[in-house]
Amino acid sequence: MGDVLQFPSQQAQGLAYLDRQLRELLTAKGADEQLVDYAARQLTRMYAQLSASEQYSFTVDLPAQLSAQERDNLYRQINTGLEGMRKENHALLVGMLAQLVLAQVRLFQHERPQ
């Protein structure tokens, strides 16, 4: 079987989830449409930057005497380790991103004409 393609991408699914949650939270708190839209734009912009920063790429030069099985095992171990670190960092950064968006929303709310 070949590769499986997901539609929409995990990035799009994650962003849609965050957008929906933010809109529901702000609406429940009594935010008007202008404030909700501002927050959603900020979230979208910052989440796109976060996602772009997670596109890791590097190479490892392996000794020529490694067997195909040893090479494949090493490849899997590196990928597993990197994915674990990416998930931990992603969770931390999403939390920080949420705090930043909410701080920007508060600032926007105080600076706009009433």
C-alpha atoms as a PDB file:
ATOM      1  CA  MET A   1       0.000   0.000   0.000  1.00  0.00           C
ATOM      2  CA  GLY A   2       1.240   3.510  -0.781  1.00  0.00           C
ATOM      3  CA  ASP A   3       1.236   6.663   1.324  1.00  0.00           C
ATOM      4  CA  VAL A   4      -1.992   7.904   2.850  1.00  0.00           C
ATOM      5  CA  LEU A   5      -2.894  11.525   2.192  1.00  0.00           C
ATOM      6  CA  GLN A   6      -5.140  13.292   4.680  1.00  0.00           C
ATOM      7  CA  PHE A   7      -7.547  16.015   3.611  1.00  0.00           C
ATOM      8  CA  PRO A   8      -7.599  18.510   5.123  1.00  0.00           C
ATOM      9  CA  SER A   9      -4.031  18.342   6.388  1.00  0.00           C
ATOM     10  CA  GLN A  10      -3.329  17.939  10.096  1.00  0.00           C
ATOM     11  CA  GLN A  11      -2.183  21.560  10.127  1.00  0.00           C
ATOM     12  CA  ALA A  12      -5.509  22.712   8.658  1.00  0.00           C
ATOM     13  CA  GLN A  13      -7.431  20.494  11.081  1.00  0.00           C
ATOM     14  CA  GLY A  14      -5.458  21.871  14.030  1.00  0.00           C
ATOM     15  CA  LEU A  15      -5.973  25.453  12.954  1.00  0.00           C
ATOM     16  CA  ALA A  16      -9.701  24.913  12.389  1.00  0.00           C
ATOM     17  CA  TYR A  17     -10.004  23.403  15.870  1.00  0.00           C
ATOM     18  CA  LEU A  18      -8.143  26.304  17.502  1.00  0.00           C
ATOM     19  CA  ASP A  19     -10.170  28.851  15.523  1.00  0.00           C
ATOM     20  CA  ARG A  20     -13.447  27.222  16.540  1.00  0.00           C
ATOM     21  CA  GLN A  21     -12.432  27.000  20.205  1.00  0.00           C
ATOM     22  CA  LEU A  22     -11.266  30.619  20.286  1.00  0.00           C
ATOM     23  CA  ARG A  23     -14.446  31.877  18.612  1.00  0.00           C
ATOM     24  CA  GLU A  24     -16.642  29.880  21.018  1.00  0.00           C
ATOM     25  CA  LEU A  25     -14.699  31.075  24.067  1.00  0.00           C
ATOM     26  CA  LEU A  26     -14.772  34.731  23.088  1.00  0.00           C
ATOM     27  CA  THR A  27     -18.428  34.635  22.040  1.00  0.00           C
ATOM     28  CA  ALA A  28     -19.350  32.992  25.351  1.00  0.00           C
ATOM     29  CA  LYS A  29     -17.480  35.786  27.144  1.00  0.00           C
ATOM     30  CA  GLY A  30     -19.579  38.376  25.280  1.00  0.00           C
ATOM     31  CA  ALA A  31     -17.013  39.496  22.699  1.00  0.00           C
ATOM     32  CA  ASP A  32     -18.384  41.280  19.644  1.00  0.00           C
ATOM     33  CA  GLU A  33     -17.786  40.110  16.082  1.00  0.00           C
ATOM     34  CA  GLN A  34     -14.985  42.614  15.450  1.00  0.00           C
ATOM     35  CA  LEU A  35     -13.027  41.370  18.456  1.00  0.00           C
ATOM     36  CA  VAL A  36     -13.620  37.705  17.599  1.00  0.00           C
ATOM     37  CA  ASP A  37     -12.486  38.262  13.997  1.00  0.00           C
ATOM     38  CA  TYR A  38      -9.367  40.131  15.147  1.00  0.00           C
ATOM     39  CA  ALA A  39      -8.454  37.293  17.510  1.00  0.00           C
ATOM     40  CA  ALA A  40      -9.020  34.681  14.791  1.00  0.00           C
ATOM     41  CA  ARG A  41      -6.779  36.590  12.350  1.00  0.00           C
ATOM     42  CA  GLN A  42      -4.024  36.840  14.952  1.00  0.00           C
ATOM     43  CA  LEU A  43      -4.339  33.157  15.764  1.00  0.00           C
ATOM     44  CA  THR A  44      -4.214  32.150  12.084  1.00  0.00           C
ATOM     45  CA  ARG A  45      -1.135  34.273  11.402  1.00  0.00           C
ATOM     46  CA  MET A  46       0.789  33.019  14.424  1.00  0.00           C
ATOM     47  CA  TYR A  47      -0.222  29.386  13.977  1.00  0.00           C
ATOM     48  CA  ALA A  48       1.021  29.507  10.379  1.00  0.00           C
ATOM     49  CA  GLN A  49       4.379  30.787  11.633  1.00  0.00           C
ATOM     50  CA  LEU A  50       4.481  28.042  14.256  1.00  0.00           C
ATOM     51  CA  SER A  51       3.699  25.355  11.696  1.00  0.00           C
ATOM     52  CA  ALA A  52       6.356  26.622   9.310  1.00  0.00           C
ATOM     53  CA  SER A  53       8.946  26.495  12.091  1.00  0.00           C
ATOM     54  CA  GLU A  54       8.184  22.804  12.663  1.00  0.00           C
ATOM     55  CA  GLN A  55       9.331  21.706   9.224  1.00  0.00           C
ATOM     56  CA  TYR A  56      12.582  20.101  10.333  1.00  0.00           C
ATOM     57  CA  SER A  57      15.143  18.904   7.829  1.00  0.00           C
ATOM     58  CA  PHE A  58      18.646  17.542   8.340  1.00  0.00           C
ATOM     59  CA  THR A  59      20.942  14.792   7.149  1.00  0.00           C
ATOM     60  CA  VAL A  60      23.006  12.188   8.974  1.00  0.00           C
ATOM     61  CA  ASP A  61      26.043  10.558   7.411  1.00  0.00           C
ATOM     62  CA  LEU A  62      26.063   6.891   8.392  1.00  0.00           C
ATOM     63  CA  PRO A  63      29.070   4.594   8.354  1.00  0.00           C
ATOM     64  CA  ALA A  64      29.267   2.517   5.182  1.00  0.00           C
ATOM     65  CA  GLN A  65      29.501  -0.756   7.139  1.00  0.00           C
ATOM     66  CA  LEU A  66      25.951  -0.475   8.537  1.00  0.00           C
ATOM     67  CA  SER A  67      23.589  -3.127   7.248  1.00  0.00           C
ATOM     68  CA  ALA A  68      20.257  -2.179   5.717  1.00  0.00           C
ATOM     69  CA  GLN A  69      18.478  -3.430   8.849  1.00  0.00           C
ATOM     70  CA  GLU A  70      20.739  -1.368  11.150  1.00  0.00           C
ATOM     71  CA  ARG A  71      20.216   1.690   8.945  1.00  0.00           C
ATOM     72  CA  ASP A  72      16.437   1.220   8.978  1.00  0.00           C
ATOM     73  CA  ASN A  73      16.393   0.740  12.773  1.00  0.00           C
ATOM     74  CA  LEU A  74      18.454   3.894  13.271  1.00  0.00           C
ATOM     75  CA  TYR A  75      16.168   5.803  10.899  1.00  0.00           C
ATOM     76  CA  ARG A  76      13.074   4.695  12.849  1.00  0.00           C
ATOM     77  CA  GLN A  77      14.658   5.555  16.199  1.00  0.00           C
ATOM     78  CA  ILE A  78      15.647   9.040  15.020  1.00  0.00           C
ATOM     79  CA  ASN A  79      12.172   9.682  13.579  1.00  0.00           C
ATOM     80  CA  THR A  80      10.468   8.444  16.742  1.00  0.00           C
ATOM     81  CA  GLY A  81      12.662  10.658  18.933  1.00  0.00           C
ATOM     82  CA  LEU A  82      12.168  13.710  16.744  1.00  0.00           C
ATOM     83  CA  GLU A  83       8.412  13.220  16.594  1.00  0.00           C
ATOM     84  CA  GLY A  84       8.250  12.989  20.380  1.00  0.00           C
ATOM     85  CA  MET A  85      10.212  16.225  20.743  1.00  0.00           C
ATOM     86  CA  ARG A  86       8.094  17.920  18.070  1.00  0.00           C
ATOM     87  CA  LYS A  87       4.871  16.976  19.865  1.00  0.00           C
ATOM     88  CA  GLU A  88       6.156  18.225  23.227  1.00  0.00           C
ATOM     89  CA  ASN A  89       7.383  21.489  21.717  1.00  0.00           C
ATOM     90  CA  HIS A  90       4.179  21.910  19.724  1.00  0.00           C
ATOM     91  CA  ALA A  91       2.017  21.549  22.837  1.00  0.00           C
ATOM     92  CA  LEU A  92       4.158  24.071  24.720  1.00  0.00           C
ATOM     93  CA  LEU A  93       4.187  26.545  21.841  1.00  0.00           C
ATOM     94  CA  VAL A  94       0.429  26.281  21.242  1.00  0.00           C
ATOM     95  CA  GLY A  95      -0.129  27.158  24.892  1.00  0.00           C
ATOM     96  CA  MET A  96       2.189  30.146  24.597  1.00  0.00           C
ATOM     97  CA  LEU A  97       0.525  31.158  21.350  1.00  0.00           C
ATOM     98  CA  ALA A  98      -2.880  31.101  23.057  1.00  0.00           C
ATOM     99  CA  GLN A  99      -1.582  33.337  25.843  1.00  0.00           C
ATOM    100  CA  LEU A 100      -0.103  35.762  23.305  1.00  0.00           C
ATOM    101  CA  VAL A 101      -3.319  35.914  21.269  1.00  0.00           C
ATOM    102  CA  LEU A 102      -5.372  36.585  24.381  1.00  0.00           C
ATOM    103  CA  ALA A 103      -2.950  39.339  25.444  1.00  0.00           C
ATOM    104  CA  GLN A 104      -3.229  40.908  21.979  1.00  0.00           C
ATOM    105  CA  VAL A 105      -7.015  40.660  22.166  1.00  0.00           C
ATOM    106  CA  ARG A 106      -7.022  42.467  25.502  1.00  0.00           C
ATOM    107  CA  LEU A 107      -4.758  45.189  24.096  1.00  0.00           C
ATOM    108  CA  PHE A 108      -6.931  45.503  20.977  1.00  0.00           C
ATOM    109  CA  GLN A 109     -10.022  45.781  23.149  1.00  0.00           C
ATOM    110  CA  HIS A 110      -8.509  48.581  25.243  1.00  0.00           C
ATOM    111  CA  GLU A 111      -7.078  50.527  22.289  1.00  0.00           C
ATOM    112  CA  ARG A 112     -10.084  50.564  19.978  1.00  0.00           C
ATOM    113  CA  PRO A 113     -12.622  53.348  20.163  1.00  0.00           C
ATOM    114  CA  GLN A 114     -15.596  52.521  22.365  1.00  0.00           C
END
